Amino acid sequence: MVYRSTERMKARLSASRERIIAAALEIMAEHGYAGCSVAAVAERAGMATGSVYRHFPTKADLFAEVFRTASQREVDAVARAAALETTIAERVSAVIETFSGRALQSPRLAYALLAEPVDPAVDAERLVFRRAYAELIAGYVAEGVTNGELPPQDPELTATALVGALAEAMVGPLAAGVAGPSTIPSLITFIHRALGVSP
């Protein structure tokens, strides 16, 4: 009997934690990191503020988890899109189109994930997010160099530079609210030229 009770309690705690993260993601997508408070997250999740603190002792702990969750969703979406393509140029284009397209659909969230000033613990998650993108692109670049589709280059260095350029190209327009669909073709052309392939 105790075993069932413990399993039920774990499931309830997990469900509460997921509700908190979902509420925080919604608020961050609407108002950015600066517009989020633990009290607002608790209210959106339908629970007391103290209940949020039982799961996440500080705002930084909560939003580090929120960044981790949101970032992984974005990396997974980009990887799925790229996996549908056959050439390296098409895969890299899919990365850019998916990354940029999703950012433009949720500009407040994208800005928060990319550049909004945050606590150091949250900023550490941002670096993990960028590394995940760089590793994905480095794999494509390495494959392209090996099969002759791309000229010789250092895949890790190229990928890191491309992730930085892509993020930087999106930050200004997202912050100003002026990024539009025309941003994407320009980014694709730039990235293809940086890789040494024809768009």
N, C-alpha and C. Protein backbone atom coordinates (compact mmCIF):
# COMPACT_ATOMS: atom_id res chain seq x y z
N MET A 1 0.81 -1.20 0.00
CA MET A 1 0.00 0.00 0.00
C MET A 1 0.85 1.27 0.00
N VAL A 2 1.93 1.27 0.77
CA VAL A 2 2.81 2.43 0.82
C VAL A 2 3.42 2.70 -0.55
N TYR A 3 3.75 1.64 -1.28
CA TYR A 3 4.35 1.77 -2.61
C TYR A 3 3.44 2.54 -3.54
N ARG A 4 2.15 2.18 -3.56
CA ARG A 4 1.19 2.89 -4.43
C ARG A 4 1.08 4.35 -4.04
N SER A 5 1.04 4.59 -2.75
CA SER A 5 0.93 5.97 -2.27
C SER A 5 2.14 6.79 -2.71
N THR A 6 3.32 6.19 -2.62
CA THR A 6 4.54 6.89 -3.02
C THR A 6 4.52 7.16 -4.52
N GLU A 7 4.11 6.20 -5.32
CA GLU A 7 4.04 6.38 -6.78
C GLU A 7 3.03 7.47 -7.14
N ARG A 8 1.89 7.45 -6.45
CA ARG A 8 0.89 8.50 -6.70
C ARG A 8 1.43 9.88 -6.34
N MET A 9 2.15 9.93 -5.22
CA MET A 9 2.72 11.21 -4.78
C MET A 9 3.76 11.69 -5.79
N LYS A 10 4.60 10.80 -6.28
CA LYS A 10 5.59 11.18 -7.28
C LYS A 10 4.91 11.69 -8.55
N ALA A 11 3.85 11.02 -8.96
CA ALA A 11 3.14 11.44 -10.16
C ALA A 11 2.51 12.81 -9.95
N ARG A 12 1.95 13.04 -8.77
CA ARG A 12 1.33 14.34 -8.48
C ARG A 12 2.37 15.45 -8.44
N LEU A 13 3.52 15.16 -7.83
CA LEU A 13 4.60 16.15 -7.78
C LEU A 13 5.13 16.45 -9.18
N SER A 14 5.26 15.41 -9.98
CA SER A 14 5.74 15.60 -11.36
C SER A 14 4.74 16.43 -12.16
N ALA A 15 3.46 16.15 -11.99
CA ALA A 15 2.42 16.92 -12.70
C ALA A 15 2.44 18.38 -12.25
N SER A 16 2.63 18.62 -10.96
CA SER A 16 2.70 20.00 -10.46
C SER A 16 3.91 20.72 -11.05
N ARG A 17 5.03 20.03 -11.08
CA ARG A 17 6.26 20.61 -11.63
C ARG A 17 6.06 20.97 -13.11
N GLU A 18 5.46 20.07 -13.87
CA GLU A 18 5.20 20.33 -15.29
C GLU A 18 4.25 21.50 -15.47
N ARG A 19 3.24 21.61 -14.60
CA ARG A 19 2.30 22.74 -14.67
C ARG A 19 3.02 24.06 -14.41
N ILE A 20 3.94 24.05 -13.46
CA ILE A 20 4.71 25.25 -13.15
C ILE A 20 5.56 25.65 -14.35
N ILE A 21 6.25 24.69 -14.95
CA ILE A 21 7.11 24.98 -16.10
C ILE A 21 6.28 25.49 -17.27
N ALA A 22 5.14 24.85 -17.51
CA ALA A 22 4.26 25.29 -18.62
C ALA A 22 3.77 26.72 -18.38
N ALA A 23 3.39 27.03 -17.15
CA ALA A 23 2.92 28.39 -16.83
C ALA A 23 4.05 29.41 -17.02
N ALA A 24 5.24 29.06 -16.57
CA ALA A 24 6.38 29.97 -16.71
C ALA A 24 6.72 30.20 -18.18
N LEU A 25 6.65 29.13 -18.98
CA LEU A 25 6.91 29.28 -20.42
C LEU A 25 5.90 30.21 -21.07
N GLU A 26 4.64 30.06 -20.71
CA GLU A 26 3.60 30.93 -21.27
C GLU A 26 3.87 32.39 -20.93
N ILE A 27 4.19 32.65 -19.67
CA ILE A 27 4.44 34.03 -19.25
C ILE A 27 5.68 34.58 -19.92
N MET A 28 6.73 33.75 -20.02
CA MET A 28 7.96 34.22 -20.68
C MET A 28 7.70 34.51 -22.15
N ALA A 29 6.86 33.72 -22.80
CA ALA A 29 6.53 33.97 -24.20
C ALA A 29 5.73 35.26 -24.37
N GLU A 30 4.99 35.64 -23.36
CA GLU A 30 4.19 36.87 -23.41
C GLU A 30 4.96 38.11 -22.98
N HIS A 31 5.80 37.96 -21.94
CA HIS A 31 6.41 39.14 -21.30
C HIS A 31 7.93 39.09 -21.20
N GLY A 32 8.55 38.01 -21.64
CA GLY A 32 9.99 37.89 -21.50
C GLY A 32 10.38 37.52 -20.09
N TYR A 33 11.67 37.34 -19.90
CA TYR A 33 12.18 36.95 -18.59
C TYR A 33 11.91 38.04 -17.55
N ALA A 34 12.14 39.28 -17.90
CA ALA A 34 11.95 40.38 -16.95
C ALA A 34 10.51 40.49 -16.47
N GLY A 35 9.57 40.06 -17.30
CA GLY A 35 8.16 40.15 -16.95
C GLY A 35 7.64 38.97 -16.16
N CYS A 36 8.54 38.07 -15.80
CA CYS A 36 8.13 36.87 -15.06
C CYS A 36 8.44 37.03 -13.58
N SER A 37 7.51 36.62 -12.77
CA SER A 37 7.74 36.55 -11.33
C SER A 37 7.23 35.19 -10.86
N VAL A 38 7.75 34.74 -9.75
CA VAL A 38 7.30 33.46 -9.21
C VAL A 38 5.82 33.55 -8.85
N ALA A 39 5.39 34.68 -8.32
CA ALA A 39 3.98 34.85 -7.96
C ALA A 39 3.08 34.75 -9.20
N ALA A 40 3.50 35.36 -10.31
CA ALA A 40 2.70 35.28 -11.55
C ALA A 40 2.66 33.85 -12.08
N VAL A 41 3.77 33.14 -11.98
CA VAL A 41 3.81 31.75 -12.42
C VAL A 41 2.88 30.91 -11.55
N ALA A 42 2.92 31.13 -10.25
CA ALA A 42 2.05 30.38 -9.33
C ALA A 42 0.58 30.63 -9.66
N GLU A 43 0.25 31.89 -9.88
CA GLU A 43 -1.14 32.23 -10.22
C GLU A 43 -1.57 31.55 -11.51
N ARG A 44 -0.72 31.60 -12.54
CA ARG A 44 -1.04 30.98 -13.83
C ARG A 44 -1.17 29.46 -13.69
N ALA A 45 -0.34 28.87 -12.82
CA ALA A 45 -0.37 27.42 -12.62
C ALA A 45 -1.50 26.99 -11.69
N GLY A 46 -2.16 27.97 -11.07
CA GLY A 46 -3.27 27.65 -10.18
C GLY A 46 -2.84 27.08 -8.84
N MET A 47 -1.75 27.61 -8.30
CA MET A 47 -1.26 27.12 -7.01
C MET A 47 -0.68 28.27 -6.21
N ALA A 48 -0.37 28.00 -4.97
CA ALA A 48 0.22 29.00 -4.08
C ALA A 48 1.69 29.22 -4.45
N THR A 49 2.16 30.43 -4.19
CA THR A 49 3.56 30.76 -4.48
C THR A 49 4.51 29.83 -3.72
N GLY A 50 4.16 29.50 -2.48
CA GLY A 50 4.98 28.58 -1.70
C GLY A 50 5.12 27.22 -2.35
N SER A 51 4.09 26.79 -3.06
CA SER A 51 4.15 25.50 -3.75
C SER A 51 5.19 25.53 -4.87
N VAL A 52 5.30 26.66 -5.54
CA VAL A 52 6.32 26.79 -6.59
C VAL A 52 7.70 26.70 -5.95
N TYR A 53 7.88 27.37 -4.82
CA TYR A 53 9.18 27.35 -4.14
C TYR A 53 9.54 25.96 -3.60
N ARG A 54 8.56 25.10 -3.38
CA ARG A 54 8.88 23.74 -2.96
C ARG A 54 9.56 22.97 -4.09
N HIS A 55 9.19 23.30 -5.31
CA HIS A 55 9.79 22.64 -6.47
C HIS A 55 11.07 23.35 -6.93
N PHE A 56 11.07 24.67 -6.82
CA PHE A 56 12.19 25.49 -7.30
C PHE A 56 12.51 26.53 -6.22
N PRO A 57 13.61 26.35 -5.49
CA PRO A 57 13.91 27.24 -4.35
C PRO A 57 14.08 28.72 -4.70
N THR A 58 14.48 29.02 -5.96
CA THR A 58 14.68 30.41 -6.36
C THR A 58 14.10 30.63 -7.76
N LYS A 59 13.91 31.89 -8.11
CA LYS A 59 13.48 32.23 -9.46
C LYS A 59 14.50 31.73 -10.48
N ALA A 60 15.77 31.86 -10.15
CA ALA A 60 16.83 31.41 -11.06
C ALA A 60 16.73 29.90 -11.30
N ASP A 61 16.45 29.13 -10.25
CA ASP A 61 16.29 27.68 -10.42
C ASP A 61 15.11 27.37 -11.33
N LEU A 62 14.00 28.05 -11.11
CA LEU A 62 12.82 27.84 -11.95
C LEU A 62 13.12 28.17 -13.39
N PHE A 63 13.71 29.33 -13.64
CA PHE A 63 13.90 29.73 -15.03
C PHE A 63 15.07 29.04 -15.70
N ALA A 64 16.01 28.51 -14.93
CA ALA A 64 17.03 27.65 -15.54
C ALA A 64 16.34 26.41 -16.11
N GLU A 65 15.40 25.86 -15.38
CA GLU A 65 14.65 24.69 -15.87
C GLU A 65 13.75 25.07 -17.05
N VAL A 66 13.15 26.24 -16.99
CA VAL A 66 12.31 26.70 -18.09
C VAL A 66 13.16 26.88 -19.35
N PHE A 67 14.33 27.49 -19.22
CA PHE A 67 15.23 27.66 -20.36
C PHE A 67 15.65 26.31 -20.91
N ARG A 68 15.98 25.39 -20.00
CA ARG A 68 16.40 24.04 -20.41
C ARG A 68 15.29 23.37 -21.22
N THR A 69 14.07 23.46 -20.74
CA THR A 69 12.93 22.84 -21.42
C THR A 69 12.67 23.50 -22.77
N ALA A 70 12.59 24.82 -22.78
CA ALA A 70 12.30 25.54 -24.03
C ALA A 70 13.42 25.34 -25.04
N SER A 71 14.65 25.40 -24.59
CA SER A 71 15.78 25.24 -25.50
C SER A 71 15.80 23.86 -26.13
N GLN A 72 15.54 22.84 -25.33
CA GLN A 72 15.55 21.48 -25.87
C GLN A 72 14.45 21.30 -26.91
N ARG A 73 13.30 21.90 -26.67
CA ARG A 73 12.22 21.84 -27.66
C ARG A 73 12.66 22.47 -28.98
N GLU A 74 13.36 23.60 -28.90
CA GLU A 74 13.81 24.28 -30.11
C GLU A 74 14.88 23.47 -30.85
N VAL A 75 15.84 22.93 -30.12
CA VAL A 75 16.89 22.11 -30.74
C VAL A 75 16.27 20.88 -31.39
N ASP A 76 15.32 20.25 -30.70
CA ASP A 76 14.65 19.07 -31.25
C ASP A 76 13.89 19.41 -32.54
N ALA A 77 13.21 20.55 -32.56
CA ALA A 77 12.46 20.96 -33.76
C ALA A 77 13.40 21.18 -34.94
N VAL A 78 14.52 21.82 -34.69
CA VAL A 78 15.50 22.08 -35.75
C VAL A 78 16.10 20.75 -36.25
N ALA A 79 16.43 19.86 -35.34
CA ALA A 79 17.00 18.57 -35.74
C ALA A 79 16.01 17.75 -36.56
N ARG A 80 14.74 17.76 -36.17
CA ARG A 80 13.71 17.04 -36.94
C ARG A 80 13.59 17.60 -38.35
N ALA A 81 13.59 18.92 -38.47
CA ALA A 81 13.47 19.55 -39.79
C ALA A 81 14.67 19.22 -40.66
N ALA A 82 15.85 19.30 -40.10
CA ALA A 82 17.07 19.03 -40.87
C ALA A 82 17.15 17.56 -41.29
N ALA A 83 16.66 16.67 -40.46
CA ALA A 83 16.72 15.24 -40.77
C ALA A 83 15.88 14.87 -41.99
N LEU A 84 14.94 15.70 -42.36
CA LEU A 84 14.09 15.43 -43.53
C LEU A 84 14.78 15.75 -44.85
N GLU A 85 15.93 16.44 -44.79
CA GLU A 85 16.63 16.89 -46.00
C GLU A 85 17.75 15.93 -46.37
N THR A 86 18.20 16.01 -47.64
CA THR A 86 19.23 15.06 -48.09
C THR A 86 20.62 15.68 -48.23
N THR A 87 20.72 16.89 -48.74
CA THR A 87 22.05 17.50 -48.90
C THR A 87 22.41 18.33 -47.68
N ILE A 88 23.69 18.60 -47.54
CA ILE A 88 24.14 19.42 -46.42
C ILE A 88 23.57 20.83 -46.53
N ALA A 89 23.58 21.39 -47.73
CA ALA A 89 23.03 22.74 -47.93
C ALA A 89 21.56 22.77 -47.52
N GLU A 90 20.80 21.74 -47.88
CA GLU A 90 19.38 21.69 -47.51
C GLU A 90 19.21 21.54 -46.00
N ARG A 91 20.07 20.73 -45.38
CA ARG A 91 19.98 20.55 -43.92
C ARG A 91 20.27 21.85 -43.19
N VAL A 92 21.32 22.52 -43.63
CA VAL A 92 21.66 23.79 -42.98
C VAL A 92 20.56 24.82 -43.23
N SER A 93 20.01 24.83 -44.42
CA SER A 93 18.87 25.73 -44.70
C SER A 93 17.70 25.40 -43.79
N ALA A 94 17.44 24.11 -43.58
CA ALA A 94 16.34 23.71 -42.69
C ALA A 94 16.60 24.18 -41.26
N VAL A 95 17.85 24.12 -40.82
CA VAL A 95 18.19 24.61 -39.48
C VAL A 95 17.85 26.10 -39.38
N ILE A 96 18.29 26.87 -40.37
CA ILE A 96 18.07 28.31 -40.34
C ILE A 96 16.59 28.65 -40.46
N GLU A 97 15.91 28.02 -41.41
CA GLU A 97 14.48 28.29 -41.60
C GLU A 97 13.67 27.93 -40.36
N THR A 98 13.97 26.79 -39.77
CA THR A 98 13.21 26.36 -38.60
C THR A 98 13.52 27.24 -37.40
N PHE A 99 14.80 27.49 -37.15
CA PHE A 99 15.20 28.35 -36.04
C PHE A 99 14.57 29.73 -36.18
N SER A 100 14.75 30.34 -37.34
CA SER A 100 14.25 31.70 -37.57
C SER A 100 12.73 31.75 -37.59
N GLY A 101 12.13 30.78 -38.25
CA GLY A 101 10.67 30.75 -38.34
C GLY A 101 10.03 30.63 -36.97
N ARG A 102 10.57 29.75 -36.13
CA ARG A 102 10.03 29.58 -34.78
C ARG A 102 10.27 30.84 -33.95
N ALA A 103 11.42 31.48 -34.14
CA ALA A 103 11.71 32.72 -33.41
C ALA A 103 10.71 33.81 -33.80
N LEU A 104 10.40 33.89 -35.09
CA LEU A 104 9.46 34.91 -35.55
C LEU A 104 8.03 34.64 -35.08
N GLN A 105 7.70 33.37 -34.87
CA GLN A 105 6.37 33.02 -34.36
C GLN A 105 6.21 33.39 -32.89
N SER A 106 7.29 33.38 -32.15
CA SER A 106 7.24 33.70 -30.72
C SER A 106 8.43 34.61 -30.38
N PRO A 107 8.38 35.86 -30.87
CA PRO A 107 9.55 36.74 -30.73
C PRO A 107 9.95 37.05 -29.29
N ARG A 108 9.01 37.17 -28.40
CA ARG A 108 9.33 37.49 -27.00
C ARG A 108 10.11 36.35 -26.37
N LEU A 109 9.62 35.11 -26.61
CA LEU A 109 10.29 33.93 -26.08
C LEU A 109 11.67 33.79 -26.72
N ALA A 110 11.75 33.98 -28.03
CA ALA A 110 13.03 33.86 -28.72
C ALA A 110 14.04 34.86 -28.18
N TYR A 111 13.61 36.09 -27.97
CA TYR A 111 14.53 37.11 -27.43
C TYR A 111 14.99 36.71 -26.02
N ALA A 112 14.06 36.20 -25.21
CA ALA A 112 14.44 35.76 -23.86
C ALA A 112 15.46 34.63 -23.93
N LEU A 113 15.26 33.69 -24.84
CA LEU A 113 16.19 32.57 -24.95
C LEU A 113 17.55 32.99 -25.50
N LEU A 114 17.57 33.98 -26.37
CA LEU A 114 18.80 34.37 -27.04
C LEU A 114 19.62 35.43 -26.32
N ALA A 115 18.97 36.45 -25.78
CA ALA A 115 19.77 37.61 -25.38
C ALA A 115 19.28 38.41 -24.19
N GLU A 116 18.07 38.24 -23.74
CA GLU A 116 17.57 39.07 -22.65
C GLU A 116 18.44 38.89 -21.40
N PRO A 117 18.76 39.97 -20.70
CA PRO A 117 19.55 39.83 -19.47
C PRO A 117 18.84 38.91 -18.47
N VAL A 118 19.59 37.95 -17.94
CA VAL A 118 19.04 36.94 -17.04
C VAL A 118 20.03 36.67 -15.90
N ASP A 119 19.58 35.89 -14.92
CA ASP A 119 20.46 35.47 -13.83
C ASP A 119 21.57 34.56 -14.37
N PRO A 120 22.72 34.51 -13.70
CA PRO A 120 23.83 33.66 -14.17
C PRO A 120 23.45 32.19 -14.39
N ALA A 121 22.61 31.63 -13.53
CA ALA A 121 22.22 30.22 -13.68
C ALA A 121 21.43 30.02 -14.97
N VAL A 122 20.63 31.00 -15.31
CA VAL A 122 19.85 30.93 -16.54
C VAL A 122 20.77 31.15 -17.74
N ASP A 123 21.71 32.06 -17.61
CA ASP A 123 22.65 32.31 -18.69
C ASP A 123 23.48 31.07 -19.01
N ALA A 124 23.78 30.27 -17.99
CA ALA A 124 24.51 29.02 -18.21
C ALA A 124 23.70 28.08 -19.11
N GLU A 125 22.40 28.07 -18.94
CA GLU A 125 21.54 27.24 -19.80
C GLU A 125 21.54 27.76 -21.23
N ARG A 126 21.65 29.06 -21.38
CA ARG A 126 21.72 29.66 -22.72
C ARG A 126 22.96 29.14 -23.46
N LEU A 127 24.06 29.01 -22.75
CA LEU A 127 25.28 28.49 -23.37
C LEU A 127 25.12 27.03 -23.78
N VAL A 128 24.42 26.26 -22.97
CA VAL A 128 24.14 24.86 -23.31
C VAL A 128 23.32 24.81 -24.59
N PHE A 129 22.34 25.69 -24.68
CA PHE A 129 21.46 25.80 -25.85
C PHE A 129 22.30 26.09 -27.11
N ARG A 130 23.19 27.04 -27.02
CA ARG A 130 24.03 27.38 -28.18
C ARG A 130 24.96 26.23 -28.55
N ARG A 131 25.52 25.56 -27.53
CA ARG A 131 26.40 24.42 -27.82
C ARG A 131 25.64 23.30 -28.52
N ALA A 132 24.39 23.08 -28.14
CA ALA A 132 23.59 22.02 -28.77
C ALA A 132 23.39 22.33 -30.26
N TYR A 133 23.10 23.58 -30.58
CA TYR A 133 22.97 23.97 -31.99
C TYR A 133 24.30 23.80 -32.71
N ALA A 134 25.38 24.22 -32.08
CA ALA A 134 26.70 24.13 -32.71
C ALA A 134 27.06 22.67 -32.98
N GLU A 135 26.77 21.78 -32.04
CA GLU A 135 27.08 20.36 -32.24
C GLU A 135 26.28 19.79 -33.41
N LEU A 136 25.02 20.17 -33.51
CA LEU A 136 24.18 19.70 -34.60
C LEU A 136 24.75 20.16 -35.95
N ILE A 137 25.06 21.44 -36.05
CA ILE A 137 25.59 21.99 -37.30
C ILE A 137 26.98 21.43 -37.59
N ALA A 138 27.80 21.27 -36.56
CA ALA A 138 29.15 20.71 -36.77
C ALA A 138 29.08 19.32 -37.39
N GLY A 139 28.10 18.54 -36.97
CA GLY A 139 27.93 17.21 -37.57
C GLY A 139 27.63 17.29 -39.05
N TYR A 140 26.77 18.23 -39.44
CA TYR A 140 26.46 18.40 -40.86
C TYR A 140 27.67 18.90 -41.63
N VAL A 141 28.39 19.86 -41.05
CA VAL A 141 29.57 20.40 -41.73
C VAL A 141 30.62 19.30 -41.91
N ALA A 142 30.86 18.52 -40.86
CA ALA A 142 31.85 17.43 -40.95
C ALA A 142 31.45 16.43 -42.04
N GLU A 143 30.17 16.09 -42.09
CA GLU A 143 29.69 15.18 -43.12
C GLU A 143 29.88 15.80 -44.51
N GLY A 144 29.58 17.08 -44.64
CA GLY A 144 29.74 17.77 -45.92
C GLY A 144 31.19 17.83 -46.39
N VAL A 145 32.10 18.04 -45.45
CA VAL A 145 33.53 18.06 -45.80
C VAL A 145 33.97 16.66 -46.23
N THR A 146 33.54 15.65 -45.48
CA THR A 146 33.92 14.27 -45.78
C THR A 146 33.42 13.82 -47.15
N ASN A 147 32.17 14.17 -47.48
CA ASN A 147 31.62 13.70 -48.76
C ASN A 147 31.92 14.66 -49.92
N GLY A 148 32.66 15.73 -49.65
CA GLY A 148 33.06 16.66 -50.71
C GLY A 148 32.03 17.71 -51.06
N GLU A 149 30.94 17.74 -50.35
CA GLU A 149 29.92 18.76 -50.63
C GLU A 149 30.35 20.14 -50.15
N LEU A 150 31.20 20.17 -49.11
CA LEU A 150 31.71 21.44 -48.58
C LEU A 150 33.23 21.46 -48.72
N PRO A 151 33.80 22.66 -48.88
CA PRO A 151 35.27 22.74 -48.91
C PRO A 151 35.85 22.41 -47.53
N PRO A 152 37.13 22.04 -47.48
CA PRO A 152 37.74 21.72 -46.19
C PRO A 152 37.61 22.90 -45.21
N GLN A 153 37.27 22.57 -43.97
CA GLN A 153 37.13 23.57 -42.91
C GLN A 153 37.02 22.85 -41.57
N ASP A 154 37.18 23.59 -40.51
CA ASP A 154 37.05 23.04 -39.15
C ASP A 154 35.56 23.06 -38.80
N PRO A 155 34.93 21.89 -38.72
CA PRO A 155 33.48 21.85 -38.47
C PRO A 155 33.05 22.53 -37.17
N GLU A 156 33.81 22.35 -36.10
CA GLU A 156 33.42 22.96 -34.81
C GLU A 156 33.52 24.47 -34.86
N LEU A 157 34.60 24.97 -35.44
CA LEU A 157 34.77 26.41 -35.55
C LEU A 157 33.70 27.01 -36.46
N THR A 158 33.46 26.38 -37.60
CA THR A 158 32.43 26.88 -38.52
C THR A 158 31.07 26.89 -37.84
N ALA A 159 30.74 25.80 -37.17
CA ALA A 159 29.42 25.70 -36.52
C ALA A 159 29.26 26.74 -35.43
N THR A 160 30.28 26.93 -34.62
CA THR A 160 30.21 27.93 -33.55
C THR A 160 30.02 29.33 -34.13
N ALA A 161 30.76 29.62 -35.19
CA ALA A 161 30.64 30.93 -35.84
C ALA A 161 29.25 31.11 -36.44
N LEU A 162 28.72 30.07 -37.05
CA LEU A 162 27.39 30.18 -37.66
C LEU A 162 26.29 30.36 -36.62
N VAL A 163 26.40 29.64 -35.50
CA VAL A 163 25.41 29.81 -34.43
C VAL A 163 25.47 31.23 -33.89
N GLY A 164 26.68 31.74 -33.68
CA GLY A 164 26.82 33.12 -33.20
C GLY A 164 26.25 34.13 -34.17
N ALA A 165 26.54 33.93 -35.46
CA ALA A 165 26.04 34.85 -36.48
C ALA A 165 24.52 34.79 -36.57
N LEU A 166 23.97 33.59 -36.52
CA LEU A 166 22.52 33.42 -36.60
C LEU A 166 21.83 34.08 -35.41
N ALA A 167 22.35 33.82 -34.22
CA ALA A 167 21.75 34.42 -33.02
C ALA A 167 21.85 35.94 -33.06
N GLU A 168 23.02 36.43 -33.42
CA GLU A 168 23.22 37.88 -33.47
C GLU A 168 22.34 38.54 -34.52
N ALA A 169 22.19 37.87 -35.65
CA ALA A 169 21.34 38.42 -36.73
C ALA A 169 19.88 38.51 -36.30
N MET A 170 19.47 37.62 -35.41
CA MET A 170 18.07 37.61 -34.97
C MET A 170 17.81 38.53 -33.78
N VAL A 171 18.81 38.74 -32.93
CA VAL A 171 18.60 39.49 -31.68
C VAL A 171 18.09 40.91 -31.93
N GLY A 172 18.77 41.65 -32.76
CA GLY A 172 18.37 43.04 -33.01
C GLY A 172 16.94 43.16 -33.51
N PRO A 173 16.61 42.45 -34.59
CA PRO A 173 15.23 42.52 -35.08
C PRO A 173 14.19 42.02 -34.07
N LEU A 174 14.51 40.96 -33.31
CA LEU A 174 13.55 40.47 -32.31
C LEU A 174 13.34 41.50 -31.21
N ALA A 175 14.43 42.12 -30.77
CA ALA A 175 14.33 43.12 -29.70
C ALA A 175 13.53 44.34 -30.16
N ALA A 176 13.73 44.71 -31.42
CA ALA A 176 13.04 45.89 -31.95
C ALA A 176 11.65 45.55 -32.49
N GLY A 177 11.36 44.26 -32.59
CA GLY A 177 10.06 43.85 -33.12
C GLY A 177 9.93 44.06 -34.61
N VAL A 178 11.06 44.04 -35.34
CA VAL A 178 11.00 44.31 -36.78
C VAL A 178 11.40 43.11 -37.64
N ALA A 179 11.70 41.98 -37.01
CA ALA A 179 12.08 40.80 -37.80
C ALA A 179 10.86 40.31 -38.56
N GLY A 180 11.07 39.98 -39.80
CA GLY A 180 9.99 39.47 -40.62
C GLY A 180 10.47 38.31 -41.45
N PRO A 181 9.57 37.70 -42.22
CA PRO A 181 9.96 36.55 -43.05
C PRO A 181 11.09 36.85 -44.02
N SER A 182 11.29 38.10 -44.42
CA SER A 182 12.38 38.42 -45.35
C SER A 182 13.74 38.25 -44.70
N THR A 183 13.79 38.17 -43.37
CA THR A 183 15.04 37.94 -42.66
C THR A 183 15.62 36.57 -43.02
N ILE A 184 14.76 35.59 -43.19
CA ILE A 184 15.20 34.20 -43.36
C ILE A 184 15.99 34.00 -44.65
N PRO A 185 15.52 34.43 -45.83
CA PRO A 185 16.33 34.21 -47.04
C PRO A 185 17.70 34.88 -46.96
N SER A 186 17.77 36.04 -46.36
CA SER A 186 19.07 36.71 -46.21
C SER A 186 20.01 35.89 -45.35
N LEU A 187 19.49 35.32 -44.27
CA LEU A 187 20.31 34.49 -43.40
C LEU A 187 20.79 33.23 -44.13
N ILE A 188 19.91 32.62 -44.89
CA ILE A 188 20.28 31.41 -45.63
C ILE A 188 21.39 31.72 -46.63
N THR A 189 21.25 32.81 -47.36
CA THR A 189 22.28 33.20 -48.32
C THR A 189 23.62 33.44 -47.61
N PHE A 190 23.58 34.17 -46.51
CA PHE A 190 24.80 34.44 -45.75
C PHE A 190 25.46 33.15 -45.27
N ILE A 191 24.67 32.26 -44.69
CA ILE A 191 25.21 31.01 -44.14
C ILE A 191 25.79 30.13 -45.25
N HIS A 192 25.10 30.05 -46.38
CA HIS A 192 25.62 29.27 -47.50
C HIS A 192 26.97 29.82 -47.99
N ARG A 193 27.07 31.12 -48.08
CA ARG A 193 28.33 31.71 -48.49
C ARG A 193 29.43 31.44 -47.47
N ALA A 194 29.07 31.51 -46.19
CA ALA A 194 30.06 31.24 -45.14
C ALA A 194 30.54 29.78 -45.20
N LEU A 195 29.64 28.87 -45.56
CA LEU A 195 30.01 27.46 -45.67
C LEU A 195 30.79 27.16 -46.95
N GLY A 196 30.64 28.03 -47.95
CA GLY A 196 31.32 27.80 -49.22
C GLY A 196 30.50 26.98 -50.20
N VAL A 197 29.13 27.09 -50.07
CA VAL A 197 28.25 26.39 -51.02
C VAL A 197 27.36 27.40 -51.71
N SER A 198 26.81 26.99 -52.85
CA SER A 198 25.89 27.86 -53.58
C SER A 198 24.52 27.78 -52.93
N PRO A 199 23.84 28.93 -52.76
CA PRO A 199 22.49 28.92 -52.19
C PRO A 199 21.50 28.23 -53.10
